[in-house]
Amino acid sequence: MYVVIEHVSGVRVNDVVYRNIQGTSATAIAIKFECSATNPFIGIRLENVSLTCRNQEVQSHCANANGKIVGTVQPNSCL
């Protein structure tokens, strides 16, 4: 699950729900929200998300993103 914006974006993304997601990530950073400081990602909602990575502990990374978690979310959310 990646949302990566590497430059200043003119697009604003708000109020997105990720619900009942299970799977295996190809990298140790399984959840990554890296958004523009000018247009941060607001209102992310993670509901019952379970991601693993083979032979590695999964992590999350957030920059300029906020929201909340509902239910069980693995890896621990950075929101």
Protein backbone atom coordinates (compact mmCIF):
# COMPACT_ATOMS: atom_id res chain seq x y z
CA MET A 1 0.00 0.00 0.00
CA TYR A 2 1.87 3.05 -1.22
CA VAL A 3 0.90 6.66 -1.71
CA VAL A 4 4.05 8.45 -2.83
CA ILE A 5 4.18 12.00 -4.12
CA GLU A 6 7.80 13.02 -4.61
CA HIS A 7 7.16 16.59 -5.70
CA VAL A 8 4.77 19.36 -4.73
CA SER A 9 1.37 18.22 -5.86
CA GLY A 10 -1.57 20.30 -6.97
CA VAL A 11 -3.86 17.37 -6.15
CA ARG A 12 -5.47 17.11 -2.72
CA VAL A 13 -6.50 13.65 -1.53
CA ASN A 14 -8.86 13.41 1.45
CA ASP A 15 -11.09 10.87 3.20
CA VAL A 16 -9.89 7.55 1.78
CA VAL A 17 -10.76 4.25 3.50
CA TYR A 18 -8.59 1.11 3.26
CA ARG A 19 -10.77 -1.72 4.61
CA ASN A 20 -10.22 -5.45 5.17
CA ILE A 21 -6.87 -5.71 3.40
CA GLN A 22 -4.65 -8.76 3.91
CA GLY A 23 -1.48 -9.66 2.10
CA THR A 24 2.28 -9.86 1.87
CA SER A 25 4.44 -6.83 1.12
CA ALA A 26 7.50 -7.06 -1.11
CA THR A 27 9.33 -4.67 1.24
CA ALA A 28 9.63 -4.21 4.99
CA ILE A 29 7.81 -0.86 4.76
CA ALA A 30 4.37 -2.26 4.03
CA ILE A 31 2.38 0.95 4.55
CA LYS A 32 3.84 4.17 3.19
CA PHE A 33 2.03 7.50 2.92
CA GLU A 34 4.54 10.09 1.70
CA CYS A 35 2.63 13.19 0.73
CA SER A 36 3.24 16.82 -0.12
CA ALA A 37 3.53 19.35 2.70
CA THR A 38 1.53 21.76 0.54
CA ASN A 39 -1.34 19.30 0.05
CA PRO A 40 -1.17 16.75 2.88
CA PHE A 41 -3.21 13.54 2.77
CA ILE A 42 -6.02 14.11 5.32
CA GLY A 43 -8.65 11.71 6.61
CA ILE A 44 -7.01 8.36 5.91
CA ARG A 45 -8.86 5.52 7.61
CA LEU A 46 -7.26 2.10 7.98
CA GLU A 47 -9.75 -0.60 9.00
CA ASN A 48 -8.66 -4.18 9.67
CA VAL A 49 -5.45 -4.15 7.64
CA SER A 50 -2.99 -7.03 8.03
CA LEU A 51 0.23 -6.98 6.03
CA THR A 52 3.31 -9.16 6.47
CA CYS A 53 6.72 -9.42 4.82
CA ARG A 54 8.66 -12.64 4.44
CA ASN A 55 11.50 -12.95 6.96
CA GLN A 56 11.23 -9.27 8.01
CA GLU A 57 9.27 -7.24 10.52
CA VAL A 58 6.87 -4.93 8.71
CA GLN A 59 6.82 -1.18 9.33
CA SER A 60 4.84 1.86 8.30
CA HIS A 61 6.04 5.32 7.27
CA CYS A 62 4.00 8.53 7.07
CA ALA A 63 4.96 12.03 5.97
CA ASN A 64 2.34 14.77 5.74
CA ALA A 65 -0.52 12.33 6.24
CA ASN A 66 -3.04 11.91 9.03
CA GLY A 67 -6.03 9.83 9.86
CA LYS A 68 -7.08 7.06 12.19
CA ILE A 69 -7.13 3.31 12.59
CA VAL A 70 -10.14 1.13 13.31
CA GLY A 71 -9.86 -2.47 14.40
CA THR A 72 -6.59 -4.32 13.96
CA VAL A 73 -3.87 -2.76 11.80
CA GLN A 74 -0.53 -4.48 11.25
CA PRO A 75 2.05 -3.04 10.93
CA ASN A 76 1.38 -0.48 13.63
CA SER A 77 0.15 2.63 11.91
CA CYS A 78 2.14 5.86 11.79
CA LEU A 79 -1.06 7.91 11.39
